[in-house]
Amino acid sequence: MFGFALASGVTLSIGRLDLFVETPITSRAISPLAVAAAPQAPEPRQLGSSEVNAESLEKKLRDIAGDHIGDFGVIARDPKSNKSVSISENTQFEAASLAKLPVLIKLYKDVAEKKLDLDDKITIQSSDVQSYGSGILQNSPPGTEITLRRCAFLLINESDNTAWVMLERALGKPEIQDQLERLDIRDTDYENLTTTPKDVLTMLQTIADPSFTSDKLSQEMLAAMTDTYLEKRIPAGLPKDVRIAHKVGSYYDEAIGGSFGDAGIVFAPDDEEIEYFVVILSDEAVEEDTTEAMREMSREIYATFSKGS
């Protein structure tokens, strides 16, 4: 058993965590929620071509952003052609729970380097418990032991805030930031939870890259990001049979409005090759309105980047 006799737990600011859980999840055994139906979701396309009309797509995305409240940052990239379309890709946004991705990356890198084992146990401390917002571990008493694998799954699939504090305590904030810098992710401030669309894209590429950890570990991270507790943003703009591994973030401030994000990896119909990466962030936004904007953008990006079956 791996011992985590570390310093006292870190309490993250309540305003920085996911506070928008629309369906109770405390009674279910980690089964995926039904994906919200997307109005007018496109059917898979038979393009037969890898041409991407970046200028046309960028205009459509800017038009959608202009029709909704708040500021948007967007980037979508085809990994084969390396063609991308973006809006404000280097602008800093509130990361909210997208900042859980660096924790996942650091944990799995340590596992790949044999510093940790995913079957090692970690114990919930009283200072870890975040009794609000996302996640089911808040209902577990202090002293409960779970594996690092289970904790990481809950961190991402359920956006569990207690799991976040537990893993951050185990890994260390400075070490998480250092890992980002080693990946040349330099515009993300983990301490203050800010990031850019371009940096989040790099995080997604890192998770999907088997050479960063291993094929098995990469696939395990992607599995945790599939069929998550909240599927109504980018996934709701895709055909129902399209797989997307993604992570959402939500933050609300009464003075300046909300920050809502979603970032994902969209797979080809064979569920093996990656078709494209997509990141949509927003600030000074309204959740319901921003959700619709994300769906609209997702439909347009899929229509441009998808090669169909």
C-alpha atoms as a PDB file:
ATOM      1  CA  MET A   1       0.000   0.000   0.000  1.00  0.00           C
ATOM      2  CA  PHE A   2       1.301   3.405  -0.861  1.00  0.00           C
ATOM      3  CA  GLY A   3       1.354   5.813   2.086  1.00  0.00           C
ATOM      4  CA  PHE A   4       0.130   9.376   1.729  1.00  0.00           C
ATOM      5  CA  ALA A   5       1.283  10.791   5.055  1.00  0.00           C
ATOM      6  CA  LEU A   6       1.560  14.284   3.659  1.00  0.00           C
ATOM      7  CA  ALA A   7       0.885  17.779   4.853  1.00  0.00           C
ATOM      8  CA  SER A   8      -2.629  18.836   5.823  1.00  0.00           C
ATOM      9  CA  GLY A   9      -5.169  19.036   3.041  1.00  0.00           C
ATOM     10  CA  VAL A  10      -5.551  21.982   0.726  1.00  0.00           C
ATOM     11  CA  THR A  11      -8.929  23.666   0.548  1.00  0.00           C
ATOM     12  CA  LEU A  12      -9.641  25.140  -2.846  1.00  0.00           C
ATOM     13  CA  SER A  13     -11.667  28.309  -3.204  1.00  0.00           C
ATOM     14  CA  ILE A  14     -15.351  27.483  -3.562  1.00  0.00           C
ATOM     15  CA  GLY A  15     -15.731  29.981  -6.377  1.00  0.00           C
ATOM     16  CA  ARG A  16     -13.204  28.101  -8.479  1.00  0.00           C
ATOM     17  CA  LEU A  17     -14.932  24.725  -8.540  1.00  0.00           C
ATOM     18  CA  ASP A  18     -17.765  23.248 -10.547  1.00  0.00           C
ATOM     19  CA  LEU A  19     -20.971  24.368  -8.893  1.00  0.00           C
ATOM     20  CA  PHE A  20     -23.380  23.508 -11.665  1.00  0.00           C
ATOM     21  CA  VAL A  21     -24.567  19.927 -11.177  1.00  0.00           C
ATOM     22  CA  GLU A  22     -27.968  19.654 -12.802  1.00  0.00           C
ATOM     23  CA  THR A  23     -28.768  16.014 -11.987  1.00  0.00           C
ATOM     24  CA  PRO A  24     -28.239  14.383  -8.568  1.00  0.00           C
ATOM     25  CA  ILE A  25     -25.462  11.835  -8.821  1.00  0.00           C
ATOM     26  CA  THR A  26     -25.078  10.668  -5.256  1.00  0.00           C
ATOM     27  CA  SER A  27     -27.217   7.546  -5.663  1.00  0.00           C
ATOM     28  CA  ARG A  28     -25.851   6.104  -8.879  1.00  0.00           C
ATOM     29  CA  ALA A  29     -22.961   3.717  -9.320  1.00  0.00           C
ATOM     30  CA  ILE A  30     -21.044   5.816 -11.830  1.00  0.00           C
ATOM     31  CA  SER A  31     -23.230   5.064 -14.791  1.00  0.00           C
ATOM     32  CA  PRO A  32     -23.229   7.595 -17.654  1.00  0.00           C
ATOM     33  CA  LEU A  33     -26.089  10.030 -17.798  1.00  0.00           C
ATOM     34  CA  ALA A  34     -28.144  10.148 -20.952  1.00  0.00           C
ATOM     35  CA  VAL A  35     -26.723  12.595 -23.446  1.00  0.00           C
ATOM     36  CA  ALA A  36     -28.935  15.634 -23.818  1.00  0.00           C
ATOM     37  CA  ALA A  37     -30.703  15.631 -27.156  1.00  0.00           C
ATOM     38  CA  ALA A  38     -29.246  18.209 -29.500  1.00  0.00           C
ATOM     39  CA  PRO A  39     -31.681  19.988 -31.779  1.00  0.00           C
ATOM     40  CA  GLN A  40     -30.771  19.636 -35.420  1.00  0.00           C
ATOM     41  CA  ALA A  41     -27.603  17.658 -34.717  1.00  0.00           C
ATOM     42  CA  PRO A  42     -25.887  16.822 -38.002  1.00  0.00           C
ATOM     43  CA  GLU A  43     -25.685  13.375 -39.455  1.00  0.00           C
ATOM     44  CA  PRO A  44     -22.215  11.933 -40.118  1.00  0.00           C
ATOM     45  CA  ARG A  45     -20.903  13.414 -43.336  1.00  0.00           C
ATOM     46  CA  GLN A  46     -19.411  11.670 -46.371  1.00  0.00           C
ATOM     47  CA  LEU A  47     -16.930  14.363 -47.317  1.00  0.00           C
ATOM     48  CA  GLY A  48     -14.314  12.174 -48.950  1.00  0.00           C
ATOM     49  CA  SER A  49     -11.864  15.037 -48.526  1.00  0.00           C
ATOM     50  CA  SER A  50      -9.659  16.461 -45.789  1.00  0.00           C
ATOM     51  CA  GLU A  51     -10.014  20.024 -47.010  1.00  0.00           C
ATOM     52  CA  VAL A  52     -10.892  22.447 -44.244  1.00  0.00           C
ATOM     53  CA  ASN A  53     -12.331  25.823 -45.132  1.00  0.00           C
ATOM     54  CA  ALA A  54     -10.825  27.599 -42.132  1.00  0.00           C
ATOM     55  CA  GLU A  55     -11.893  31.084 -43.138  1.00  0.00           C
ATOM     56  CA  SER A  56     -15.525  30.083 -43.556  1.00  0.00           C
ATOM     57  CA  LEU A  57     -15.599  28.183 -40.254  1.00  0.00           C
ATOM     58  CA  GLU A  58     -13.949  31.012 -38.353  1.00  0.00           C
ATOM     59  CA  LYS A  59     -16.583  33.419 -39.630  1.00  0.00           C
ATOM     60  CA  LYS A  60     -19.373  31.091 -38.563  1.00  0.00           C
ATOM     61  CA  LEU A  61     -17.855  30.699 -35.098  1.00  0.00           C
ATOM     62  CA  ARG A  62     -17.453  34.461 -34.710  1.00  0.00           C
ATOM     63  CA  ASP A  63     -21.054  34.970 -35.810  1.00  0.00           C
ATOM     64  CA  ILE A  64     -22.252  32.463 -33.217  1.00  0.00           C
ATOM     65  CA  ALA A  65     -20.149  34.097 -30.495  1.00  0.00           C
ATOM     66  CA  GLY A  66     -21.586  37.482 -31.459  1.00  0.00           C
ATOM     67  CA  ASP A  67     -25.117  36.177 -31.030  1.00  0.00           C
ATOM     68  CA  HIS A  68     -24.490  35.109 -27.422  1.00  0.00           C
ATOM     69  CA  ILE A  69     -23.545  36.720 -24.118  1.00  0.00           C
ATOM     70  CA  GLY A  70     -19.920  36.945 -23.026  1.00  0.00           C
ATOM     71  CA  ASP A  71     -16.457  36.460 -24.472  1.00  0.00           C
ATOM     72  CA  PHE A  72     -15.450  33.264 -26.232  1.00  0.00           C
ATOM     73  CA  GLY A  73     -12.185  31.533 -26.986  1.00  0.00           C
ATOM     74  CA  VAL A  74     -12.237  28.610 -29.415  1.00  0.00           C
ATOM     75  CA  ILE A  75      -9.739  26.343 -31.105  1.00  0.00           C
ATOM     76  CA  ALA A  76     -10.284  23.239 -33.230  1.00  0.00           C
ATOM     77  CA  ARG A  77      -7.460  21.243 -34.833  1.00  0.00           C
ATOM     78  CA  ASP A  78      -7.204  18.326 -37.250  1.00  0.00           C
ATOM     79  CA  PRO A  79      -4.205  16.281 -35.996  1.00  0.00           C
ATOM     80  CA  LYS A  80      -3.477  14.781 -39.425  1.00  0.00           C
ATOM     81  CA  SER A  81      -3.267  17.969 -41.446  1.00  0.00           C
ATOM     82  CA  ASN A  82      -2.469  20.109 -38.368  1.00  0.00           C
ATOM     83  CA  LYS A  83      -4.963  22.625 -39.738  1.00  0.00           C
ATOM     84  CA  SER A  84      -6.702  24.648 -37.088  1.00  0.00           C
ATOM     85  CA  VAL A  85      -9.352  27.313 -36.664  1.00  0.00           C
ATOM     86  CA  SER A  86      -9.320  29.580 -33.641  1.00  0.00           C
ATOM     87  CA  ILE A  87     -10.731  32.645 -31.931  1.00  0.00           C
ATOM     88  CA  SER A  88      -8.733  34.262 -29.110  1.00  0.00           C
ATOM     89  CA  GLU A  89      -6.648  31.119 -28.697  1.00  0.00           C
ATOM     90  CA  ASN A  90      -4.056  32.854 -26.494  1.00  0.00           C
ATOM     91  CA  THR A  91      -6.515  34.814 -24.350  1.00  0.00           C
ATOM     92  CA  GLN A  92      -6.700  33.831 -20.687  1.00  0.00           C
ATOM     93  CA  PHE A  93      -9.990  32.509 -19.360  1.00  0.00           C
ATOM     94  CA  GLU A  94     -11.164  31.134 -16.045  1.00  0.00           C
ATOM     95  CA  ALA A  95     -10.245  27.442 -16.082  1.00  0.00           C
ATOM     96  CA  ALA A  96     -12.672  26.230 -13.409  1.00  0.00           C
ATOM     97  CA  SER A  97     -12.651  22.426 -13.473  1.00  0.00           C
ATOM     98  CA  LEU A  98     -10.706  22.255 -16.711  1.00  0.00           C
ATOM     99  CA  ALA A  99      -7.820  22.695 -14.246  1.00  0.00           C
ATOM    100  CA  LYS A 100      -8.437  19.071 -13.291  1.00  0.00           C
ATOM    101  CA  LEU A 101      -6.764  18.045 -16.553  1.00  0.00           C
ATOM    102  CA  PRO A 102      -3.267  19.059 -15.349  1.00  0.00           C
ATOM    103  CA  VAL A 103      -3.827  16.896 -12.246  1.00  0.00           C
ATOM    104  CA  LEU A 104      -4.743  13.924 -14.434  1.00  0.00           C
ATOM    105  CA  ILE A 105      -1.693  14.517 -16.615  1.00  0.00           C
ATOM    106  CA  LYS A 106       0.682  14.743 -13.646  1.00  0.00           C
ATOM    107  CA  LEU A 107      -0.746  11.623 -11.973  1.00  0.00           C
ATOM    108  CA  TYR A 108      -0.531   9.451 -15.071  1.00  0.00           C
ATOM    109  CA  LYS A 109       2.964  10.707 -15.897  1.00  0.00           C
ATOM    110  CA  ASP A 110       4.097   9.716 -12.405  1.00  0.00           C
ATOM    111  CA  VAL A 111       2.519   6.299 -12.934  1.00  0.00           C
ATOM    112  CA  ALA A 112       4.263   5.921 -16.297  1.00  0.00           C
ATOM    113  CA  GLU A 113       7.570   6.765 -14.597  1.00  0.00           C
ATOM    114  CA  LYS A 114       6.890   4.164 -11.862  1.00  0.00           C
ATOM    115  CA  LYS A 115       6.737   6.826  -9.137  1.00  0.00           C
ATOM    116  CA  LEU A 116       3.182   5.788  -8.283  1.00  0.00           C
ATOM    117  CA  ASP A 117       0.870   2.874  -8.965  1.00  0.00           C
ATOM    118  CA  LEU A 118      -2.790   3.366  -9.809  1.00  0.00           C
ATOM    119  CA  ASP A 119      -3.658   0.581  -7.371  1.00  0.00           C
ATOM    120  CA  ASP A 120      -2.064   2.533  -4.514  1.00  0.00           C
ATOM    121  CA  LYS A 121      -4.584   3.703  -1.933  1.00  0.00           C
ATOM    122  CA  ILE A 122      -5.323   7.252  -0.855  1.00  0.00           C
ATOM    123  CA  THR A 123      -7.356   8.133   2.233  1.00  0.00           C
ATOM    124  CA  ILE A 124     -10.001  10.846   2.426  1.00  0.00           C
ATOM    125  CA  GLN A 125      -9.062  13.396   5.081  1.00  0.00           C
ATOM    126  CA  SER A 126     -11.630  15.669   6.684  1.00  0.00           C
ATOM    127  CA  SER A 127      -9.959  18.671   5.050  1.00  0.00           C
ATOM    128  CA  ASP A 128     -10.378  17.047   1.618  1.00  0.00           C
ATOM    129  CA  VAL A 129     -14.161  16.984   1.721  1.00  0.00           C
ATOM    130  CA  GLN A 130     -15.831  19.587  -0.488  1.00  0.00           C
ATOM    131  CA  SER A 131     -19.457  19.440   0.608  1.00  0.00           C
ATOM    132  CA  TYR A 132     -20.983  21.162  -2.400  1.00  0.00           C
ATOM    133  CA  GLY A 133     -20.994  20.976  -6.157  1.00  0.00           C
ATOM    134  CA  SER A 134     -19.778  18.075  -8.252  1.00  0.00           C
ATOM    135  CA  GLY A 135     -18.901  14.624  -7.080  1.00  0.00           C
ATOM    136  CA  ILE A 136     -19.911  11.730  -4.848  1.00  0.00           C
ATOM    137  CA  LEU A 137     -16.871  11.513  -2.541  1.00  0.00           C
ATOM    138  CA  GLN A 138     -18.262  14.354  -0.434  1.00  0.00           C
ATOM    139  CA  ASN A 139     -20.690  11.736   0.894  1.00  0.00           C
ATOM    140  CA  SER A 140     -17.898   9.396   2.010  1.00  0.00           C
ATOM    141  CA  PRO A 141     -16.656   9.700   5.605  1.00  0.00           C
ATOM    142  CA  PRO A 142     -13.064  10.725   6.359  1.00  0.00           C
ATOM    143  CA  GLY A 143     -10.897   7.642   6.620  1.00  0.00           C
ATOM    144  CA  THR A 144     -12.394   6.068   3.494  1.00  0.00           C
ATOM    145  CA  GLU A 145      -9.712   4.544   1.250  1.00  0.00           C
ATOM    146  CA  ILE A 146      -9.923   4.382  -2.529  1.00  0.00           C
ATOM    147  CA  THR A 147      -7.359   3.628  -5.214  1.00  0.00           C
ATOM    148  CA  LEU A 148      -5.645   6.353  -7.170  1.00  0.00           C
ATOM    149  CA  ARG A 149      -7.297   4.899 -10.272  1.00  0.00           C
ATOM    150  CA  ARG A 150     -10.765   5.322  -8.774  1.00  0.00           C
ATOM    151  CA  CYS A 151      -9.925   8.798  -7.525  1.00  0.00           C
ATOM    152  CA  ALA A 152      -8.689   9.843 -10.979  1.00  0.00           C
ATOM    153  CA  PHE A 153     -11.804   8.456 -12.651  1.00  0.00           C
ATOM    154  CA  LEU A 154     -14.074  10.399 -10.297  1.00  0.00           C
ATOM    155  CA  LEU A 155     -11.938  13.524 -10.763  1.00  0.00           C
ATOM    156  CA  ILE A 156     -12.623  13.534 -14.498  1.00  0.00           C
ATOM    157  CA  ASN A 157     -15.796  11.581 -15.190  1.00  0.00           C
ATOM    158  CA  GLU A 158     -17.764  13.077 -12.290  1.00  0.00           C
ATOM    159  CA  SER A 159     -15.647  16.243 -11.937  1.00  0.00           C
ATOM    160  CA  ASP A 160     -15.427  15.319  -8.270  1.00  0.00           C
ATOM    161  CA  ASN A 161     -14.169  18.245  -6.204  1.00  0.00           C
ATOM    162  CA  THR A 162     -13.147  16.116  -3.220  1.00  0.00           C
ATOM    163  CA  ALA A 163     -11.092  13.884  -5.535  1.00  0.00           C
ATOM    164  CA  TRP A 164      -9.434  17.063  -6.855  1.00  0.00           C
ATOM    165  CA  VAL A 165      -8.283  18.155  -3.398  1.00  0.00           C
ATOM    166  CA  MET A 166      -7.116  14.636  -2.549  1.00  0.00           C
ATOM    167  CA  LEU A 167      -4.975  14.276  -5.664  1.00  0.00           C
ATOM    168  CA  GLU A 168      -3.663  17.811  -5.435  1.00  0.00           C
ATOM    169  CA  ARG A 169      -2.579  17.061  -1.862  1.00  0.00           C
ATOM    170  CA  ALA A 170      -0.830  13.884  -2.996  1.00  0.00           C
ATOM    171  CA  LEU A 171       0.885  15.365  -6.057  1.00  0.00           C
ATOM    172  CA  GLY A 172       1.582  18.942  -4.924  1.00  0.00           C
ATOM    173  CA  LYS A 173       0.577  22.196  -6.587  1.00  0.00           C
ATOM    174  CA  PRO A 174       4.153  23.198  -7.553  1.00  0.00           C
ATOM    175  CA  GLU A 175       4.751  19.795  -9.105  1.00  0.00           C
ATOM    176  CA  ILE A 176       1.546  20.058 -11.138  1.00  0.00           C
ATOM    177  CA  GLN A 177       2.613  23.480 -12.434  1.00  0.00           C
ATOM    178  CA  ASP A 178       6.120  22.196 -13.189  1.00  0.00           C
ATOM    179  CA  GLN A 179       4.671  19.375 -15.283  1.00  0.00           C
ATOM    180  CA  LEU A 180       2.734  21.914 -17.341  1.00  0.00           C
ATOM    181  CA  GLU A 181       5.873  23.935 -17.956  1.00  0.00           C
ATOM    182  CA  ARG A 182       7.763  20.824 -19.055  1.00  0.00           C
ATOM    183  CA  LEU A 183       5.045  20.427 -21.687  1.00  0.00           C
ATOM    184  CA  ASP A 184       5.606  24.058 -22.740  1.00  0.00           C
ATOM    185  CA  ILE A 185       2.182  24.973 -21.368  1.00  0.00           C
ATOM    186  CA  ARG A 186       3.186  28.390 -20.090  1.00  0.00           C
ATOM    187  CA  ASP A 187       0.039  30.522 -20.187  1.00  0.00           C
ATOM    188  CA  THR A 188      -1.816  28.387 -17.655  1.00  0.00           C
ATOM    189  CA  ASP A 189      -1.642  29.440 -14.007  1.00  0.00           C
ATOM    190  CA  TYR A 190      -2.627  26.415 -11.948  1.00  0.00           C
ATOM    191  CA  GLU A 191      -2.519  28.333  -8.662  1.00  0.00           C
ATOM    192  CA  ASN A 192      -5.013  30.933  -9.896  1.00  0.00           C
ATOM    193  CA  LEU A 193      -6.860  28.563 -12.244  1.00  0.00           C
ATOM    194  CA  THR A 194      -6.564  30.472 -15.487  1.00  0.00           C
ATOM    195  CA  THR A 195      -5.750  29.046 -18.894  1.00  0.00           C
ATOM    196  CA  THR A 196      -6.028  29.625 -22.640  1.00  0.00           C
ATOM    197  CA  PRO A 197      -7.748  27.635 -25.395  1.00  0.00           C
ATOM    198  CA  LYS A 198      -4.362  26.839 -26.933  1.00  0.00           C
ATOM    199  CA  ASP A 199      -2.979  25.507 -23.642  1.00  0.00           C
ATOM    200  CA  VAL A 200      -6.031  23.317 -23.079  1.00  0.00           C
ATOM    201  CA  LEU A 201      -5.590  21.962 -26.609  1.00  0.00           C
ATOM    202  CA  THR A 202      -2.026  20.983 -25.705  1.00  0.00           C
ATOM    203  CA  MET A 203      -3.331  19.207 -22.604  1.00  0.00           C
ATOM    204  CA  LEU A 204      -5.749  17.190 -24.739  1.00  0.00           C
ATOM    205  CA  GLN A 205      -3.003  16.302 -27.203  1.00  0.00           C
ATOM    206  CA  THR A 206      -0.784  15.192 -24.312  1.00  0.00           C
ATOM    207  CA  ILE A 207      -3.466  12.911 -22.870  1.00  0.00           C
ATOM    208  CA  ALA A 208      -4.115  11.364 -26.287  1.00  0.00           C
ATOM    209  CA  ASP A 209      -0.406  10.821 -27.032  1.00  0.00           C
ATOM    210  CA  PRO A 210       0.672   7.278 -26.042  1.00  0.00           C
ATOM    211  CA  SER A 211       4.326   8.312 -26.051  1.00  0.00           C
ATOM    212  CA  PHE A 212       3.705  10.610 -23.076  1.00  0.00           C
ATOM    213  CA  THR A 213       2.618   7.735 -20.835  1.00  0.00           C
ATOM    214  CA  SER A 214       1.748   4.486 -22.663  1.00  0.00           C
ATOM    215  CA  ASP A 215      -0.991   3.270 -24.933  1.00  0.00           C
ATOM    216  CA  LYS A 216      -2.771   1.610 -22.012  1.00  0.00           C
ATOM    217  CA  LEU A 217      -2.549   4.647 -19.738  1.00  0.00           C
ATOM    218  CA  SER A 218      -3.582   7.030 -22.505  1.00  0.00           C
ATOM    219  CA  GLN A 219      -6.628   4.889 -23.278  1.00  0.00           C
ATOM    220  CA  GLU A 220      -7.531   4.787 -19.603  1.00  0.00           C
ATOM    221  CA  MET A 221      -7.490   8.581 -19.361  1.00  0.00           C
ATOM    222  CA  LEU A 222      -9.617   8.878 -22.489  1.00  0.00           C
ATOM    223  CA  ALA A 223     -12.093   6.336 -21.099  1.00  0.00           C
ATOM    224  CA  ALA A 224     -12.542   8.454 -17.967  1.00  0.00           C
ATOM    225  CA  MET A 225     -13.329  11.425 -20.210  1.00  0.00           C
ATOM    226  CA  THR A 226     -16.033   9.531 -22.134  1.00  0.00           C
ATOM    227  CA  ASP A 227     -19.731   9.523 -21.152  1.00  0.00           C
ATOM    228  CA  THR A 228     -19.240  11.993 -18.328  1.00  0.00           C
ATOM    229  CA  TYR A 229     -21.690  13.436 -15.848  1.00  0.00           C
ATOM    230  CA  LEU A 230     -22.443  16.432 -18.091  1.00  0.00           C
ATOM    231  CA  GLU A 231     -22.876  15.812 -21.815  1.00  0.00           C
ATOM    232  CA  LYS A 232     -24.981  18.783 -22.877  1.00  0.00           C
ATOM    233  CA  ARG A 233     -22.297  21.122 -24.244  1.00  0.00           C
ATOM    234  CA  ILE A 234     -19.938  20.087 -27.081  1.00  0.00           C
ATOM    235  CA  PRO A 235     -21.245  16.463 -27.179  1.00  0.00           C
ATOM    236  CA  ALA A 236     -24.820  17.673 -27.680  1.00  0.00           C
ATOM    237  CA  GLY A 237     -23.812  19.223 -31.019  1.00  0.00           C
ATOM    238  CA  LEU A 238     -22.569  15.888 -32.372  1.00  0.00           C
ATOM    239  CA  PRO A 239     -24.412  12.911 -33.853  1.00  0.00           C
ATOM    240  CA  LYS A 240     -25.405  10.508 -31.104  1.00  0.00           C
ATOM    241  CA  ASP A 241     -23.067   7.752 -32.283  1.00  0.00           C
ATOM    242  CA  VAL A 242     -19.936   9.923 -32.276  1.00  0.00           C
ATOM    243  CA  ARG A 243     -17.543   9.358 -29.393  1.00  0.00           C
ATOM    244  CA  ILE A 244     -16.043  12.353 -27.642  1.00  0.00           C
ATOM    245  CA  ALA A 245     -13.651  12.265 -24.681  1.00  0.00           C
ATOM    246  CA  HIS A 246     -13.971  15.623 -22.940  1.00  0.00           C
ATOM    247  CA  LYS A 247     -13.891  17.714 -19.758  1.00  0.00           C
ATOM    248  CA  VAL A 248     -16.159  20.574 -18.721  1.00  0.00           C
ATOM    249  CA  GLY A 249     -15.605  23.461 -16.348  1.00  0.00           C
ATOM    250  CA  SER A 250     -18.073  25.841 -14.686  1.00  0.00           C
ATOM    251  CA  TYR A 251     -17.594  28.860 -12.461  1.00  0.00           C
ATOM    252  CA  TYR A 252     -20.022  31.590 -11.465  1.00  0.00           C
ATOM    253  CA  ASP A 253     -19.440  35.034  -9.992  1.00  0.00           C
ATOM    254  CA  GLU A 254     -22.436  37.249  -9.294  1.00  0.00           C
ATOM    255  CA  ALA A 255     -20.453  40.376 -10.125  1.00  0.00           C
ATOM    256  CA  ILE A 256     -18.997  39.381 -13.492  1.00  0.00           C
ATOM    257  CA  GLY A 257     -21.097  36.427 -14.626  1.00  0.00           C
ATOM    258  CA  GLY A 258     -20.020  32.911 -15.350  1.00  0.00           C
ATOM    259  CA  SER A 259     -17.170  31.083 -17.021  1.00  0.00           C
ATOM    260  CA  PHE A 260     -18.144  27.881 -18.791  1.00  0.00           C
ATOM    261  CA  GLY A 261     -15.903  25.632 -20.837  1.00  0.00           C
ATOM    262  CA  ASP A 262     -15.736  22.303 -22.586  1.00  0.00           C
ATOM    263  CA  ALA A 263     -12.753  20.679 -24.259  1.00  0.00           C
ATOM    264  CA  GLY A 264     -12.740  17.388 -26.101  1.00  0.00           C
ATOM    265  CA  ILE A 265     -11.300  14.874 -28.505  1.00  0.00           C
ATOM    266  CA  VAL A 266     -13.722  13.766 -31.230  1.00  0.00           C
ATOM    267  CA  PHE A 267     -13.163  10.321 -32.695  1.00  0.00           C
ATOM    268  CA  ALA A 268     -13.865   8.930 -36.141  1.00  0.00           C
ATOM    269  CA  PRO A 269     -16.784   6.509 -36.560  1.00  0.00           C
ATOM    270  CA  ASP A 270     -14.453   3.532 -36.096  1.00  0.00           C
ATOM    271  CA  ASP A 271     -13.806   4.916 -32.575  1.00  0.00           C
ATOM    272  CA  GLU A 272     -10.055   4.593 -32.989  1.00  0.00           C
ATOM    273  CA  GLU A 273      -8.618   7.496 -34.956  1.00  0.00           C
ATOM    274  CA  ILE A 274      -8.937  11.032 -33.688  1.00  0.00           C
ATOM    275  CA  GLU A 275     -10.751  13.330 -36.094  1.00  0.00           C
ATOM    276  CA  TYR A 276     -10.154  16.587 -34.256  1.00  0.00           C
ATOM    277  CA  PHE A 277      -9.569  18.377 -30.977  1.00  0.00           C
ATOM    278  CA  VAL A 278     -11.895  21.162 -29.858  1.00  0.00           C
ATOM    279  CA  VAL A 279     -11.802  23.671 -26.987  1.00  0.00           C
ATOM    280  CA  ILE A 280     -14.500  26.249 -26.225  1.00  0.00           C
ATOM    281  CA  LEU A 281     -14.069  28.618 -23.267  1.00  0.00           C
ATOM    282  CA  SER A 282     -16.202  31.555 -22.156  1.00  0.00           C
ATOM    283  CA  ASP A 283     -16.111  34.394 -19.635  1.00  0.00           C
ATOM    284  CA  GLU A 284     -18.786  36.852 -18.439  1.00  0.00           C
ATOM    285  CA  ALA A 285     -21.354  34.394 -19.720  1.00  0.00           C
ATOM    286  CA  VAL A 286     -24.721  32.896 -18.805  1.00  0.00           C
ATOM    287  CA  GLU A 287     -24.778  29.096 -18.517  1.00  0.00           C
ATOM    288  CA  GLU A 288     -27.903  28.270 -20.532  1.00  0.00           C
ATOM    289  CA  ASP A 289     -27.031  30.758 -23.266  1.00  0.00           C
ATOM    290  CA  THR A 290     -23.412  29.611 -23.415  1.00  0.00           C
ATOM    291  CA  THR A 291     -24.505  25.980 -23.559  1.00  0.00           C
ATOM    292  CA  GLU A 292     -26.504  26.723 -26.696  1.00  0.00           C
ATOM    293  CA  ALA A 293     -23.555  28.609 -28.200  1.00  0.00           C
ATOM    294  CA  MET A 294     -21.307  25.599 -27.569  1.00  0.00           C
ATOM    295  CA  ARG A 295     -23.795  23.275 -29.244  1.00  0.00           C
ATOM    296  CA  GLU A 296     -24.002  25.540 -32.285  1.00  0.00           C
ATOM    297  CA  MET A 297     -20.217  25.836 -32.515  1.00  0.00           C
ATOM    298  CA  SER A 298     -19.830  22.090 -32.064  1.00  0.00           C
ATOM    299  CA  ARG A 299     -22.210  21.392 -34.958  1.00  0.00           C
ATOM    300  CA  GLU A 300     -20.320  23.776 -37.244  1.00  0.00           C
ATOM    301  CA  ILE A 301     -16.913  22.390 -36.290  1.00  0.00           C
ATOM    302  CA  TYR A 302     -18.087  18.805 -36.824  1.00  0.00           C
ATOM    303  CA  ALA A 303     -19.560  19.706 -40.203  1.00  0.00           C
ATOM    304  CA  THR A 304     -16.185  21.103 -41.260  1.00  0.00           C
ATOM    305  CA  PHE A 305     -13.718  18.673 -39.663  1.00  0.00           C
ATOM    306  CA  SER A 306     -15.523  15.332 -39.745  1.00  0.00           C
ATOM    307  CA  LYS A 307     -14.680  12.973 -42.606  1.00  0.00           C
ATOM    308  CA  GLY A 308     -17.769  10.836 -42.010  1.00  0.00           C
ATOM    309  CA  SER A 309     -17.805   7.058 -41.983  1.00  0.00           C
END
